[in-house]
């Protein structure tokens, strides 16, 4: 599939500037571009992102979608979801996220959102985290997703049981954002 490129008109829509202004940025060397055989200017996505960041311009969500890792946070405690999502919001260029508060919602979000990583609480109402983990591992579409199990009920039995169910890593509550960040980076191989 060909790499997505942007015309001066596309960029003018994104930046709220005229196509002539965008052409001027290109001609001045501020915005990297190439020319088609017909003489039209085209900008690669990475060059556009670099330009927007350099000049502290807002970056539209659709430009960030590709390449960002998707993380699904599953916990029945809204405070934990808020803690984790506040951390993830600080890195919008790296992560997209969604959340669920029980095992049933988690199942729905898995198919809709297709995360790279699930941060999964063990003690959930209805379908618990152990069963959610087993369901993920038994499904052909989801079995490669990374799973970081979290729990406020840290015990050797829970640890053993969640690893047996297929979790990739385990983090007892309470945890800090630095420790969470390290586990996420490790699991997503960043």
C-alpha atoms as a PDB file:
ATOM      1  CA  UNK A   1       0.000   0.000   0.000  1.00  0.00           C
ATOM      2  CA  UNK A   2       1.310   3.439  -0.922  1.00  0.00           C
ATOM      3  CA  UNK A   3       2.320   5.827   1.838  1.00  0.00           C
ATOM      4  CA  UNK A   4      -0.274   8.531   2.509  1.00  0.00           C
ATOM      5  CA  UNK A   5       0.841  11.946   1.314  1.00  0.00           C
ATOM      6  CA  UNK A   6      -0.775  15.363   1.651  1.00  0.00           C
ATOM      7  CA  UNK A   7      -1.377  18.079  -0.938  1.00  0.00           C
ATOM      8  CA  UNK A   8      -1.077  21.791  -0.212  1.00  0.00           C
ATOM      9  CA  UNK A   9      -4.883  21.865  -0.073  1.00  0.00           C
ATOM     10  CA  UNK A  10      -4.982  18.995   2.483  1.00  0.00           C
ATOM     11  CA  UNK A  11      -2.427  20.773   4.647  1.00  0.00           C
ATOM     12  CA  UNK A  12      -4.253  24.088   4.353  1.00  0.00           C
ATOM     13  CA  UNK A  13      -7.358  22.376   5.784  1.00  0.00           C
ATOM     14  CA  UNK A  14      -5.336  20.874   8.650  1.00  0.00           C
ATOM     15  CA  UNK A  15      -3.489  24.095   9.513  1.00  0.00           C
ATOM     16  CA  UNK A  16      -6.226  26.626   8.801  1.00  0.00           C
ATOM     17  CA  UNK A  17      -4.016  28.397   6.259  1.00  0.00           C
ATOM     18  CA  UNK A  18      -4.402  29.032   2.554  1.00  0.00           C
ATOM     19  CA  UNK A  19      -2.897  26.617   0.000  1.00  0.00           C
ATOM     20  CA  UNK A  20      -0.677  29.506  -1.131  1.00  0.00           C
ATOM     21  CA  UNK A  21       0.712  29.883   2.392  1.00  0.00           C
ATOM     22  CA  UNK A  22       1.415  26.148   2.528  1.00  0.00           C
ATOM     23  CA  UNK A  23       3.208  26.384  -0.840  1.00  0.00           C
ATOM     24  CA  UNK A  24       5.257  29.268   0.589  1.00  0.00           C
ATOM     25  CA  UNK A  25       6.247  27.113   3.609  1.00  0.00           C
ATOM     26  CA  UNK A  26       7.402  24.409   1.216  1.00  0.00           C
ATOM     27  CA  UNK A  27       9.267  26.824  -1.066  1.00  0.00           C
ATOM     28  CA  UNK A  28      10.998  28.388   1.964  1.00  0.00           C
ATOM     29  CA  UNK A  29      12.150  24.950   3.115  1.00  0.00           C
ATOM     30  CA  UNK A  30      10.097  25.070   6.332  1.00  0.00           C
ATOM     31  CA  UNK A  31       7.978  22.089   5.299  1.00  0.00           C
ATOM     32  CA  UNK A  32       9.677  19.187   3.516  1.00  0.00           C
ATOM     33  CA  UNK A  33       7.938  18.111   0.333  1.00  0.00           C
ATOM     34  CA  UNK A  34       8.488  16.433  -3.014  1.00  0.00           C
ATOM     35  CA  UNK A  35       7.029  17.178  -6.425  1.00  0.00           C
ATOM     36  CA  UNK A  36       4.965  14.839  -8.563  1.00  0.00           C
ATOM     37  CA  UNK A  37       5.812  14.520 -12.294  1.00  0.00           C
ATOM     38  CA  UNK A  38       2.950  16.982 -12.868  1.00  0.00           C
ATOM     39  CA  UNK A  39       4.657  19.575 -10.627  1.00  0.00           C
ATOM     40  CA  UNK A  40       2.307  19.194  -7.623  1.00  0.00           C
ATOM     41  CA  UNK A  41       3.732  19.474  -4.129  1.00  0.00           C
ATOM     42  CA  UNK A  42       3.195  16.486  -1.818  1.00  0.00           C
ATOM     43  CA  UNK A  43       4.176  16.096   1.837  1.00  0.00           C
ATOM     44  CA  UNK A  44       4.780  12.810   3.642  1.00  0.00           C
ATOM     45  CA  UNK A  45       2.945  12.253   6.903  1.00  0.00           C
ATOM     46  CA  UNK A  46       6.128  12.146   9.023  1.00  0.00           C
ATOM     47  CA  UNK A  47       7.315  15.455   7.539  1.00  0.00           C
ATOM     48  CA  UNK A  48       3.929  17.059   8.224  1.00  0.00           C
ATOM     49  CA  UNK A  49       3.952  15.822  11.832  1.00  0.00           C
ATOM     50  CA  UNK A  50       7.493  17.137  12.317  1.00  0.00           C
ATOM     51  CA  UNK A  51       6.425  20.543  10.955  1.00  0.00           C
ATOM     52  CA  UNK A  52       3.332  20.721  13.190  1.00  0.00           C
ATOM     53  CA  UNK A  53       5.364  19.793  16.284  1.00  0.00           C
ATOM     54  CA  UNK A  54       8.178  22.233  15.435  1.00  0.00           C
ATOM     55  CA  UNK A  55       5.731  25.137  15.291  1.00  0.00           C
ATOM     56  CA  UNK A  56       3.571  23.885  18.199  1.00  0.00           C
ATOM     57  CA  UNK A  57       0.521  23.632  15.953  1.00  0.00           C
ATOM     58  CA  UNK A  58      -2.401  21.401  16.944  1.00  0.00           C
ATOM     59  CA  UNK A  59      -2.083  17.864  15.606  1.00  0.00           C
ATOM     60  CA  UNK A  60      -5.379  16.437  14.357  1.00  0.00           C
ATOM     61  CA  UNK A  61      -6.393  13.114  15.845  1.00  0.00           C
ATOM     62  CA  UNK A  62      -6.465  11.380  12.455  1.00  0.00           C
ATOM     63  CA  UNK A  63      -2.749  12.116  11.975  1.00  0.00           C
ATOM     64  CA  UNK A  64      -1.959  10.451  15.293  1.00  0.00           C
ATOM     65  CA  UNK A  65      -4.087   7.330  14.774  1.00  0.00           C
ATOM     66  CA  UNK A  66      -1.546   5.375  12.752  1.00  0.00           C
ATOM     67  CA  UNK A  67       1.407   4.030  14.620  1.00  0.00           C
ATOM     68  CA  UNK A  68       0.021   4.652  18.093  1.00  0.00           C
ATOM     69  CA  UNK A  69      -0.381   1.640  20.329  1.00  0.00           C
ATOM     70  CA  UNK A  70      -3.887   0.888  21.578  1.00  0.00           C
ATOM     71  CA  UNK A  71      -4.372   0.156  25.266  1.00  0.00           C
ATOM     72  CA  UNK A  72      -7.576  -1.110  26.852  1.00  0.00           C
ATOM     73  CA  UNK A  73      -7.867  -0.438  30.603  1.00  0.00           C
ATOM     74  CA  UNK A  74     -10.253  -2.826  32.378  1.00  0.00           C
ATOM     75  CA  UNK A  75     -10.997  -2.147  36.051  1.00  0.00           C
ATOM     76  CA  UNK A  76     -14.167  -1.800  38.124  1.00  0.00           C
ATOM     77  CA  UNK A  77     -12.575   1.038  40.129  1.00  0.00           C
ATOM     78  CA  UNK A  78     -13.053   4.361  38.309  1.00  0.00           C
ATOM     79  CA  UNK A  79     -10.178   5.907  40.296  1.00  0.00           C
ATOM     80  CA  UNK A  80      -7.744   3.332  38.842  1.00  0.00           C
ATOM     81  CA  UNK A  81      -9.075   3.902  35.320  1.00  0.00           C
ATOM     82  CA  UNK A  82      -8.638   7.662  35.852  1.00  0.00           C
ATOM     83  CA  UNK A  83      -5.069   7.228  37.152  1.00  0.00           C
ATOM     84  CA  UNK A  84      -4.030   5.124  34.170  1.00  0.00           C
ATOM     85  CA  UNK A  85      -5.830   7.197  31.535  1.00  0.00           C
ATOM     86  CA  UNK A  86      -4.412  10.458  32.952  1.00  0.00           C
ATOM     87  CA  UNK A  87      -0.960   8.956  32.465  1.00  0.00           C
ATOM     88  CA  UNK A  88      -1.773   7.780  28.917  1.00  0.00           C
ATOM     89  CA  UNK A  89      -3.214  11.213  27.982  1.00  0.00           C
ATOM     90  CA  UNK A  90       0.216  12.722  28.620  1.00  0.00           C
ATOM     91  CA  UNK A  91       1.557  10.681  25.670  1.00  0.00           C
ATOM     92  CA  UNK A  92      -1.034  11.208  22.894  1.00  0.00           C
ATOM     93  CA  UNK A  93       1.573  10.655  20.181  1.00  0.00           C
ATOM     94  CA  UNK A  94       2.255   7.136  21.548  1.00  0.00           C
ATOM     95  CA  UNK A  95      -1.061   5.761  22.832  1.00  0.00           C
ATOM     96  CA  UNK A  96      -4.756   5.540  22.138  1.00  0.00           C
ATOM     97  CA  UNK A  97      -6.867   4.108  24.917  1.00  0.00           C
ATOM     98  CA  UNK A  98     -10.297   2.900  25.860  1.00  0.00           C
ATOM     99  CA  UNK A  99     -11.689   1.598  29.124  1.00  0.00           C
ATOM    100  CA  UNK A 100     -14.186  -0.930  30.436  1.00  0.00           C
ATOM    101  CA  UNK A 101     -15.492  -1.500  33.952  1.00  0.00           C
ATOM    102  CA  UNK A 102     -16.350  -5.195  33.800  1.00  0.00           C
ATOM    103  CA  UNK A 103     -15.520  -8.375  31.920  1.00  0.00           C
ATOM    104  CA  UNK A 104     -18.538  -8.151  29.629  1.00  0.00           C
ATOM    105  CA  UNK A 105     -17.659  -4.580  28.506  1.00  0.00           C
ATOM    106  CA  UNK A 106     -14.056  -5.723  28.067  1.00  0.00           C
ATOM    107  CA  UNK A 107     -15.201  -8.413  25.622  1.00  0.00           C
ATOM    108  CA  UNK A 108     -17.124  -5.846  23.577  1.00  0.00           C
ATOM    109  CA  UNK A 109     -14.217  -3.384  23.537  1.00  0.00           C
ATOM    110  CA  UNK A 110     -11.730  -6.081  22.514  1.00  0.00           C
ATOM    111  CA  UNK A 111     -13.508  -6.650  19.212  1.00  0.00           C
ATOM    112  CA  UNK A 112     -14.311  -2.969  18.550  1.00  0.00           C
ATOM    113  CA  UNK A 113     -11.045  -1.351  19.678  1.00  0.00           C
ATOM    114  CA  UNK A 114      -8.564  -4.176  18.918  1.00  0.00           C
ATOM    115  CA  UNK A 115      -5.956  -3.151  21.534  1.00  0.00           C
ATOM    116  CA  UNK A 116      -2.272  -4.039  21.502  1.00  0.00           C
ATOM    117  CA  UNK A 117      -2.260  -4.223  25.306  1.00  0.00           C
ATOM    118  CA  UNK A 118      -4.929  -4.888  27.918  1.00  0.00           C
ATOM    119  CA  UNK A 119      -4.364  -3.620  31.461  1.00  0.00           C
ATOM    120  CA  UNK A 120      -6.658  -6.053  33.233  1.00  0.00           C
ATOM    121  CA  UNK A 121      -7.865  -6.058  36.834  1.00  0.00           C
ATOM    122  CA  UNK A 122      -8.307  -9.558  38.240  1.00  0.00           C
ATOM    123  CA  UNK A 123     -11.318  -8.920  40.463  1.00  0.00           C
ATOM    124  CA  UNK A 124     -14.097  -7.767  38.161  1.00  0.00           C
ATOM    125  CA  UNK A 125     -17.856  -8.125  38.624  1.00  0.00           C
ATOM    126  CA  UNK A 126     -19.497 -10.796  36.483  1.00  0.00           C
ATOM    127  CA  UNK A 127     -16.733 -12.251  34.333  1.00  0.00           C
ATOM    128  CA  UNK A 128     -13.516 -11.938  36.379  1.00  0.00           C
ATOM    129  CA  UNK A 129     -10.086 -11.036  34.990  1.00  0.00           C
ATOM    130  CA  UNK A 130      -8.940 -14.658  35.006  1.00  0.00           C
ATOM    131  CA  UNK A 131     -11.764 -15.651  32.650  1.00  0.00           C
ATOM    132  CA  UNK A 132     -11.259 -12.556  30.468  1.00  0.00           C
ATOM    133  CA  UNK A 133      -7.593 -13.533  30.177  1.00  0.00           C
ATOM    134  CA  UNK A 134      -8.478 -17.136  29.208  1.00  0.00           C
ATOM    135  CA  UNK A 135     -11.025 -15.852  26.652  1.00  0.00           C
ATOM    136  CA  UNK A 136      -8.391 -13.587  25.075  1.00  0.00           C
ATOM    137  CA  UNK A 137      -5.880 -16.430  24.802  1.00  0.00           C
ATOM    138  CA  UNK A 138      -8.404 -18.893  23.349  1.00  0.00           C
ATOM    139  CA  UNK A 139      -9.553 -16.545  20.561  1.00  0.00           C
ATOM    140  CA  UNK A 140      -7.578 -16.618  17.311  1.00  0.00           C
ATOM    141  CA  UNK A 141      -8.077 -12.849  16.758  1.00  0.00           C
ATOM    142  CA  UNK A 142      -6.961 -11.770  20.235  1.00  0.00           C
ATOM    143  CA  UNK A 143      -4.489 -14.404  21.413  1.00  0.00           C
ATOM    144  CA  UNK A 144      -1.427 -12.283  20.517  1.00  0.00           C
ATOM    145  CA  UNK A 145      -2.559  -9.243  22.548  1.00  0.00           C
ATOM    146  CA  UNK A 146      -0.356  -8.406  25.517  1.00  0.00           C
ATOM    147  CA  UNK A 147      -1.967  -8.615  28.952  1.00  0.00           C
ATOM    148  CA  UNK A 148      -0.788  -6.741  32.041  1.00  0.00           C
ATOM    149  CA  UNK A 149      -2.720  -8.075  35.044  1.00  0.00           C
ATOM    150  CA  UNK A 150      -3.258  -5.680  37.953  1.00  0.00           C
ATOM    151  CA  UNK A 151      -4.744  -6.424  41.345  1.00  0.00           C
ATOM    152  CA  UNK A 152      -5.248  -5.071  44.823  1.00  0.00           C
ATOM    153  CA  UNK A 153      -5.303  -8.686  46.062  1.00  0.00           C
ATOM    154  CA  UNK A 154      -1.656  -9.586  45.573  1.00  0.00           C
ATOM    155  CA  UNK A 155      -0.972 -13.189  46.535  1.00  0.00           C
ATOM    156  CA  UNK A 156       1.184 -16.031  45.218  1.00  0.00           C
ATOM    157  CA  UNK A 157      -2.039 -17.897  44.308  1.00  0.00           C
ATOM    158  CA  UNK A 158      -3.426 -14.994  42.228  1.00  0.00           C
ATOM    159  CA  UNK A 159      -0.057 -14.515  40.552  1.00  0.00           C
ATOM    160  CA  UNK A 160       0.204 -18.184  39.643  1.00  0.00           C
ATOM    161  CA  UNK A 161      -3.427 -18.357  38.519  1.00  0.00           C
ATOM    162  CA  UNK A 162      -3.233 -15.283  36.217  1.00  0.00           C
ATOM    163  CA  UNK A 163       0.017 -16.408  34.579  1.00  0.00           C
ATOM    164  CA  UNK A 164      -1.586 -19.842  34.057  1.00  0.00           C
ATOM    165  CA  UNK A 165      -4.530 -18.038  32.388  1.00  0.00           C
ATOM    166  CA  UNK A 166      -2.090 -16.371  29.966  1.00  0.00           C
ATOM    167  CA  UNK A 167      -1.096 -12.946  31.363  1.00  0.00           C
ATOM    168  CA  UNK A 168       2.230 -11.556  30.133  1.00  0.00           C
ATOM    169  CA  UNK A 169       3.004  -9.511  33.251  1.00  0.00           C
ATOM    170  CA  UNK A 170       1.608  -8.747  36.702  1.00  0.00           C
ATOM    171  CA  UNK A 171       1.498  -5.529  38.730  1.00  0.00           C
ATOM    172  CA  UNK A 172       0.129  -5.332  42.295  1.00  0.00           C
ATOM    173  CA  UNK A 173      -1.807  -2.238  43.394  1.00  0.00           C
ATOM    174  CA  UNK A 174      -0.960   0.372  44.452  1.00  0.00           C
ATOM    175  CA  UNK A 175       1.568   1.179  41.740  1.00  0.00           C
ATOM    176  CA  UNK A 176       3.153   4.376  40.494  1.00  0.00           C
ATOM    177  CA  UNK A 177       3.018   5.749  36.974  1.00  0.00           C
ATOM    178  CA  UNK A 178       6.752   5.197  36.537  1.00  0.00           C
ATOM    179  CA  UNK A 179       6.399   1.485  37.244  1.00  0.00           C
ATOM    180  CA  UNK A 180       3.320   1.340  34.996  1.00  0.00           C
ATOM    181  CA  UNK A 181       5.221   3.141  32.237  1.00  0.00           C
ATOM    182  CA  UNK A 182       8.095   0.641  32.438  1.00  0.00           C
ATOM    183  CA  UNK A 183       5.730  -2.336  32.224  1.00  0.00           C
ATOM    184  CA  UNK A 184       3.845  -0.847  29.263  1.00  0.00           C
ATOM    185  CA  UNK A 185       7.082  -0.068  27.413  1.00  0.00           C
ATOM    186  CA  UNK A 186       8.405  -3.582  28.065  1.00  0.00           C
ATOM    187  CA  UNK A 187       5.220  -5.297  26.892  1.00  0.00           C
ATOM    188  CA  UNK A 188       4.881  -3.111  23.795  1.00  0.00           C
ATOM    189  CA  UNK A 189       8.634  -3.455  23.112  1.00  0.00           C
ATOM    190  CA  UNK A 190       9.233   0.296  23.021  1.00  0.00           C
END
